[in-house]
């Protein structure tokens, strides 16, 4: 179930169907936007560092994506993750713009 407000007056994420239980489990129903952006950036940088040491053979390994049930090479999965993250960042930007107006 989606939350009616995505950001509170302090710029913190509140509710939402993705990740809500994760934050609740940590005892915090919200996180500052800057912290979320930092986590996304840190995660992406860590992934890039791990990919930089892979061989072409390793990057070409095929596995079944657990949710999509489609075969994907590591390089395909990385592209999928980047596109998915960009989609959510664009969504967040639209919400922030709407709340500021």
N, C-alpha and C. Protein backbone atom coordinates (compact mmCIF):
# COMPACT_ATOMS: atom_id res chain seq x y z
N UNK A 1 0.85 -1.17 0.00
CA UNK A 1 0.00 0.00 0.00
C UNK A 1 0.89 1.23 0.00
N UNK A 2 0.69 2.13 -0.90
CA UNK A 2 1.51 3.33 -1.01
C UNK A 2 1.10 4.36 0.02
N UNK A 3 2.06 5.10 0.48
CA UNK A 3 1.84 6.15 1.45
C UNK A 3 1.30 7.40 0.75
N UNK A 4 0.49 8.20 1.43
CA UNK A 4 -0.03 9.43 0.82
C UNK A 4 1.06 10.46 0.65
N UNK A 5 1.96 10.57 1.60
CA UNK A 5 3.09 11.51 1.49
C UNK A 5 4.36 10.70 1.40
N UNK A 6 5.25 11.13 0.57
CA UNK A 6 6.51 10.43 0.41
C UNK A 6 7.61 11.08 1.23
N UNK A 7 7.56 12.39 1.35
CA UNK A 7 8.55 13.12 2.14
C UNK A 7 7.86 13.88 3.25
N UNK A 8 8.47 13.90 4.42
CA UNK A 8 7.92 14.73 5.48
C UNK A 8 8.53 16.13 5.39
N UNK A 9 8.20 17.01 6.32
CA UNK A 9 8.65 18.40 6.24
C UNK A 9 10.17 18.54 6.40
N UNK A 10 10.83 17.48 6.86
CA UNK A 10 12.29 17.52 7.03
C UNK A 10 13.02 16.87 5.86
N UNK A 11 12.25 16.48 4.83
CA UNK A 11 12.87 15.84 3.67
C UNK A 11 13.16 14.38 3.89
N UNK A 12 12.47 13.73 4.84
CA UNK A 12 12.67 12.31 5.10
C UNK A 12 11.61 11.49 4.38
N UNK A 13 12.01 10.33 3.90
CA UNK A 13 11.07 9.42 3.26
C UNK A 13 10.16 8.85 4.34
N UNK A 14 8.87 8.82 4.09
CA UNK A 14 7.93 8.21 5.03
C UNK A 14 7.08 7.19 4.28
N UNK A 15 7.06 5.99 4.78
CA UNK A 15 6.22 4.95 4.19
C UNK A 15 6.68 4.53 2.82
N UNK A 16 5.72 4.11 2.01
CA UNK A 16 6.02 3.59 0.69
C UNK A 16 6.05 2.09 0.71
N UNK A 17 5.71 1.46 -0.42
CA UNK A 17 5.64 0.01 -0.37
C UNK A 17 7.00 -0.65 -0.47
N UNK A 18 7.99 -0.05 -1.13
CA UNK A 18 9.31 -0.67 -1.23
C UNK A 18 10.18 -0.19 -0.07
N UNK A 19 10.71 -1.13 0.69
CA UNK A 19 11.65 -0.77 1.73
C UNK A 19 11.03 -0.33 3.03
N UNK A 20 9.72 -0.14 3.09
CA UNK A 20 9.10 0.35 4.32
C UNK A 20 9.39 -0.59 5.48
N UNK A 21 9.20 -1.89 5.29
CA UNK A 21 9.42 -2.82 6.38
C UNK A 21 10.88 -2.87 6.77
N UNK A 22 11.79 -2.64 5.80
CA UNK A 22 13.21 -2.62 6.12
C UNK A 22 13.53 -1.54 7.13
N UNK A 23 12.99 -0.33 6.90
CA UNK A 23 13.24 0.75 7.84
C UNK A 23 12.53 0.50 9.16
N UNK A 24 11.32 -0.03 9.11
CA UNK A 24 10.59 -0.31 10.33
C UNK A 24 11.36 -1.32 11.17
N UNK A 25 11.92 -2.35 10.51
CA UNK A 25 12.68 -3.37 11.23
C UNK A 25 13.90 -2.76 11.93
N UNK A 26 14.43 -1.69 11.40
CA UNK A 26 15.59 -1.03 12.01
C UNK A 26 15.16 -0.05 13.10
N UNK A 27 13.85 0.06 13.32
CA UNK A 27 13.36 0.95 14.37
C UNK A 27 13.18 2.38 13.90
N UNK A 28 13.32 2.65 12.60
CA UNK A 28 13.16 4.00 12.07
C UNK A 28 12.23 3.98 10.88
N UNK A 29 11.08 4.66 10.96
CA UNK A 29 10.14 4.63 9.84
C UNK A 29 10.54 5.55 8.68
N UNK A 30 11.59 6.33 8.83
CA UNK A 30 11.99 7.24 7.77
C UNK A 30 13.50 7.43 7.78
N UNK A 31 14.01 7.92 6.67
CA UNK A 31 15.43 8.23 6.56
C UNK A 31 15.56 9.52 5.78
N UNK A 32 16.49 10.39 6.17
CA UNK A 32 16.69 11.64 5.42
C UNK A 32 17.06 11.34 3.97
N UNK A 33 16.57 12.16 3.08
CA UNK A 33 16.84 11.98 1.65
C UNK A 33 18.34 11.95 1.39
N UNK A 34 19.08 12.82 2.05
CA UNK A 34 20.54 12.85 1.84
C UNK A 34 21.17 11.51 2.20
N UNK A 35 20.66 10.86 3.25
CA UNK A 35 21.20 9.54 3.64
C UNK A 35 20.86 8.49 2.58
N UNK A 36 19.66 8.55 2.04
CA UNK A 36 19.26 7.59 1.00
C UNK A 36 20.12 7.78 -0.24
N UNK A 37 20.33 9.02 -0.64
CA UNK A 37 21.18 9.31 -1.81
C UNK A 37 22.60 8.82 -1.54
N UNK A 38 23.10 9.05 -0.33
CA UNK A 38 24.45 8.59 0.02
C UNK A 38 24.52 7.07 -0.07
N UNK A 39 23.50 6.37 0.44
CA UNK A 39 23.50 4.91 0.39
C UNK A 39 23.47 4.41 -1.05
N UNK A 40 22.66 5.05 -1.88
CA UNK A 40 22.60 4.65 -3.29
C UNK A 40 23.94 4.86 -3.98
N UNK A 41 24.55 6.01 -3.72
CA UNK A 41 25.86 6.32 -4.32
C UNK A 41 26.92 5.35 -3.84
N UNK A 42 26.97 5.11 -2.54
CA UNK A 42 27.96 4.20 -1.97
C UNK A 42 27.78 2.79 -2.52
N UNK A 43 26.54 2.35 -2.64
CA UNK A 43 26.26 1.02 -3.18
C UNK A 43 26.68 0.89 -4.62
N UNK A 44 26.40 1.93 -5.40
CA UNK A 44 26.78 1.91 -6.82
C UNK A 44 28.31 1.90 -6.95
N UNK A 45 29.00 2.71 -6.16
CA UNK A 45 30.46 2.74 -6.21
C UNK A 45 31.06 1.40 -5.79
N UNK A 46 30.48 0.77 -4.78
CA UNK A 46 30.97 -0.55 -4.34
C UNK A 46 30.77 -1.58 -5.45
N UNK A 47 29.63 -1.53 -6.12
CA UNK A 47 29.37 -2.45 -7.23
C UNK A 47 30.38 -2.23 -8.36
N UNK A 48 30.65 -0.99 -8.69
CA UNK A 48 31.62 -0.69 -9.76
C UNK A 48 33.00 -1.25 -9.39
N UNK A 49 33.41 -1.06 -8.14
CA UNK A 49 34.72 -1.58 -7.70
C UNK A 49 34.78 -3.10 -7.85
N UNK A 50 33.68 -3.78 -7.51
CA UNK A 50 33.64 -5.25 -7.63
C UNK A 50 33.66 -5.68 -9.08
N UNK A 51 33.00 -4.92 -9.94
CA UNK A 51 32.95 -5.27 -11.36
C UNK A 51 34.28 -5.04 -12.06
N UNK A 52 35.01 -4.04 -11.61
CA UNK A 52 36.28 -3.68 -12.26
C UNK A 52 37.30 -4.82 -12.21
N UNK A 53 37.19 -5.71 -11.25
CA UNK A 53 38.17 -6.80 -11.12
C UNK A 53 37.69 -8.10 -11.78
N UNK A 54 36.53 -8.10 -12.39
CA UNK A 54 35.99 -9.30 -13.04
C UNK A 54 36.59 -9.45 -14.44
N UNK A 55 36.71 -10.70 -14.84
CA UNK A 55 37.19 -11.00 -16.19
C UNK A 55 36.02 -10.93 -17.17
N UNK A 56 36.33 -10.88 -18.47
CA UNK A 56 35.27 -10.90 -19.49
C UNK A 56 34.44 -12.18 -19.36
N UNK A 57 35.12 -13.27 -19.05
CA UNK A 57 34.41 -14.55 -18.89
C UNK A 57 33.42 -14.46 -17.72
N UNK A 58 33.85 -13.90 -16.60
CA UNK A 58 32.95 -13.77 -15.45
C UNK A 58 31.77 -12.84 -15.75
N UNK A 59 32.03 -11.76 -16.46
CA UNK A 59 30.96 -10.81 -16.78
C UNK A 59 29.95 -11.44 -17.73
N UNK A 60 30.38 -12.44 -18.51
CA UNK A 60 29.49 -13.10 -19.45
C UNK A 60 28.72 -14.28 -18.88
N UNK A 61 28.96 -14.65 -17.62
CA UNK A 61 28.26 -15.79 -17.02
C UNK A 61 26.76 -15.51 -16.98
N UNK A 62 25.97 -16.52 -17.30
CA UNK A 62 24.51 -16.39 -17.34
C UNK A 62 23.91 -17.07 -16.11
N UNK A 63 22.94 -16.39 -15.49
CA UNK A 63 22.18 -16.95 -14.37
C UNK A 63 20.74 -16.51 -14.52
N UNK A 64 19.83 -17.22 -13.87
CA UNK A 64 18.42 -16.87 -13.92
C UNK A 64 18.14 -15.79 -12.88
N UNK A 65 17.53 -14.69 -13.33
CA UNK A 65 17.13 -13.62 -12.41
C UNK A 65 16.01 -14.18 -11.54
N UNK A 66 16.13 -14.07 -10.20
CA UNK A 66 15.16 -14.73 -9.31
C UNK A 66 13.72 -14.23 -9.45
N UNK A 67 13.51 -12.96 -9.71
CA UNK A 67 12.14 -12.44 -9.82
C UNK A 67 11.64 -12.47 -11.25
N UNK A 68 12.48 -12.09 -12.20
CA UNK A 68 12.06 -12.05 -13.60
C UNK A 68 12.04 -13.43 -14.25
N UNK A 69 12.76 -14.38 -13.64
CA UNK A 69 12.88 -15.73 -14.18
C UNK A 69 13.36 -15.72 -15.64
N UNK A 70 14.34 -14.84 -15.89
CA UNK A 70 14.93 -14.74 -17.22
C UNK A 70 16.43 -14.94 -17.09
N UNK A 71 17.04 -15.57 -18.10
CA UNK A 71 18.50 -15.68 -18.06
C UNK A 71 19.12 -14.30 -18.30
N UNK A 72 20.11 -13.97 -17.49
CA UNK A 72 20.80 -12.68 -17.64
C UNK A 72 22.29 -12.89 -17.41
N UNK A 73 23.07 -12.23 -18.26
CA UNK A 73 24.51 -12.17 -18.00
C UNK A 73 24.73 -11.12 -16.92
N UNK A 74 25.85 -11.18 -16.27
CA UNK A 74 26.17 -10.19 -15.24
C UNK A 74 26.09 -8.78 -15.81
N UNK A 75 26.60 -8.60 -17.01
CA UNK A 75 26.58 -7.28 -17.64
C UNK A 75 25.14 -6.82 -17.88
N UNK A 76 24.24 -7.75 -18.25
CA UNK A 76 22.83 -7.41 -18.44
C UNK A 76 22.18 -7.01 -17.12
N UNK A 77 22.50 -7.76 -16.07
CA UNK A 77 21.95 -7.48 -14.74
C UNK A 77 22.40 -6.10 -14.25
N UNK A 78 23.67 -5.76 -14.47
CA UNK A 78 24.18 -4.46 -14.04
C UNK A 78 23.44 -3.34 -14.77
N UNK A 79 23.22 -3.52 -16.06
CA UNK A 79 22.47 -2.52 -16.84
C UNK A 79 21.04 -2.40 -16.28
N UNK A 80 20.41 -3.52 -16.00
CA UNK A 80 19.06 -3.55 -15.44
C UNK A 80 19.02 -2.80 -14.10
N UNK A 81 19.98 -3.06 -13.23
CA UNK A 81 20.04 -2.40 -11.92
C UNK A 81 20.20 -0.90 -12.09
N UNK A 82 21.08 -0.48 -12.99
CA UNK A 82 21.31 0.95 -13.21
C UNK A 82 20.05 1.63 -13.74
N UNK A 83 19.40 1.01 -14.71
CA UNK A 83 18.16 1.58 -15.26
C UNK A 83 17.07 1.64 -14.20
N UNK A 84 16.97 0.60 -13.38
CA UNK A 84 15.95 0.55 -12.33
C UNK A 84 16.19 1.65 -11.29
N UNK A 85 17.44 1.82 -10.90
CA UNK A 85 17.78 2.87 -9.93
C UNK A 85 17.49 4.25 -10.52
N UNK A 86 17.84 4.45 -11.78
CA UNK A 86 17.56 5.74 -12.44
C UNK A 86 16.06 6.02 -12.48
N UNK A 87 15.26 4.98 -12.72
CA UNK A 87 13.80 5.12 -12.72
C UNK A 87 13.31 5.63 -11.36
N UNK A 88 13.81 5.02 -10.29
CA UNK A 88 13.39 5.44 -8.95
C UNK A 88 13.90 6.83 -8.59
N UNK A 89 15.09 7.17 -9.02
CA UNK A 89 15.60 8.52 -8.76
C UNK A 89 14.76 9.57 -9.50
N UNK A 90 14.36 9.27 -10.73
CA UNK A 90 13.50 10.19 -11.49
C UNK A 90 12.14 10.32 -10.81
N UNK A 91 11.61 9.21 -10.31
CA UNK A 91 10.34 9.24 -9.58
C UNK A 91 10.46 10.13 -8.35
N UNK A 92 11.54 9.95 -7.61
CA UNK A 92 11.75 10.74 -6.39
C UNK A 92 11.87 12.22 -6.73
N UNK A 93 12.56 12.54 -7.81
CA UNK A 93 12.71 13.94 -8.20
C UNK A 93 11.36 14.55 -8.53
N UNK A 94 10.49 13.80 -9.22
CA UNK A 94 9.15 14.30 -9.54
C UNK A 94 8.35 14.56 -8.27
N UNK A 95 8.45 13.66 -7.30
CA UNK A 95 7.72 13.84 -6.04
C UNK A 95 8.23 15.05 -5.29
N UNK A 96 9.55 15.21 -5.21
CA UNK A 96 10.15 16.35 -4.52
C UNK A 96 9.69 17.64 -5.19
N UNK A 97 9.71 17.68 -6.51
CA UNK A 97 9.28 18.88 -7.24
C UNK A 97 7.82 19.17 -6.95
N UNK A 98 6.99 18.15 -6.95
CA UNK A 98 5.56 18.33 -6.66
C UNK A 98 5.34 18.84 -5.25
N UNK A 99 6.05 18.29 -4.27
CA UNK A 99 5.87 18.71 -2.88
C UNK A 99 6.36 20.14 -2.65
N UNK A 100 7.35 20.57 -3.42
CA UNK A 100 7.88 21.93 -3.26
C UNK A 100 6.99 22.97 -3.89
N UNK A 101 6.12 22.57 -4.82
CA UNK A 101 5.27 23.55 -5.52
C UNK A 101 3.97 23.79 -4.80
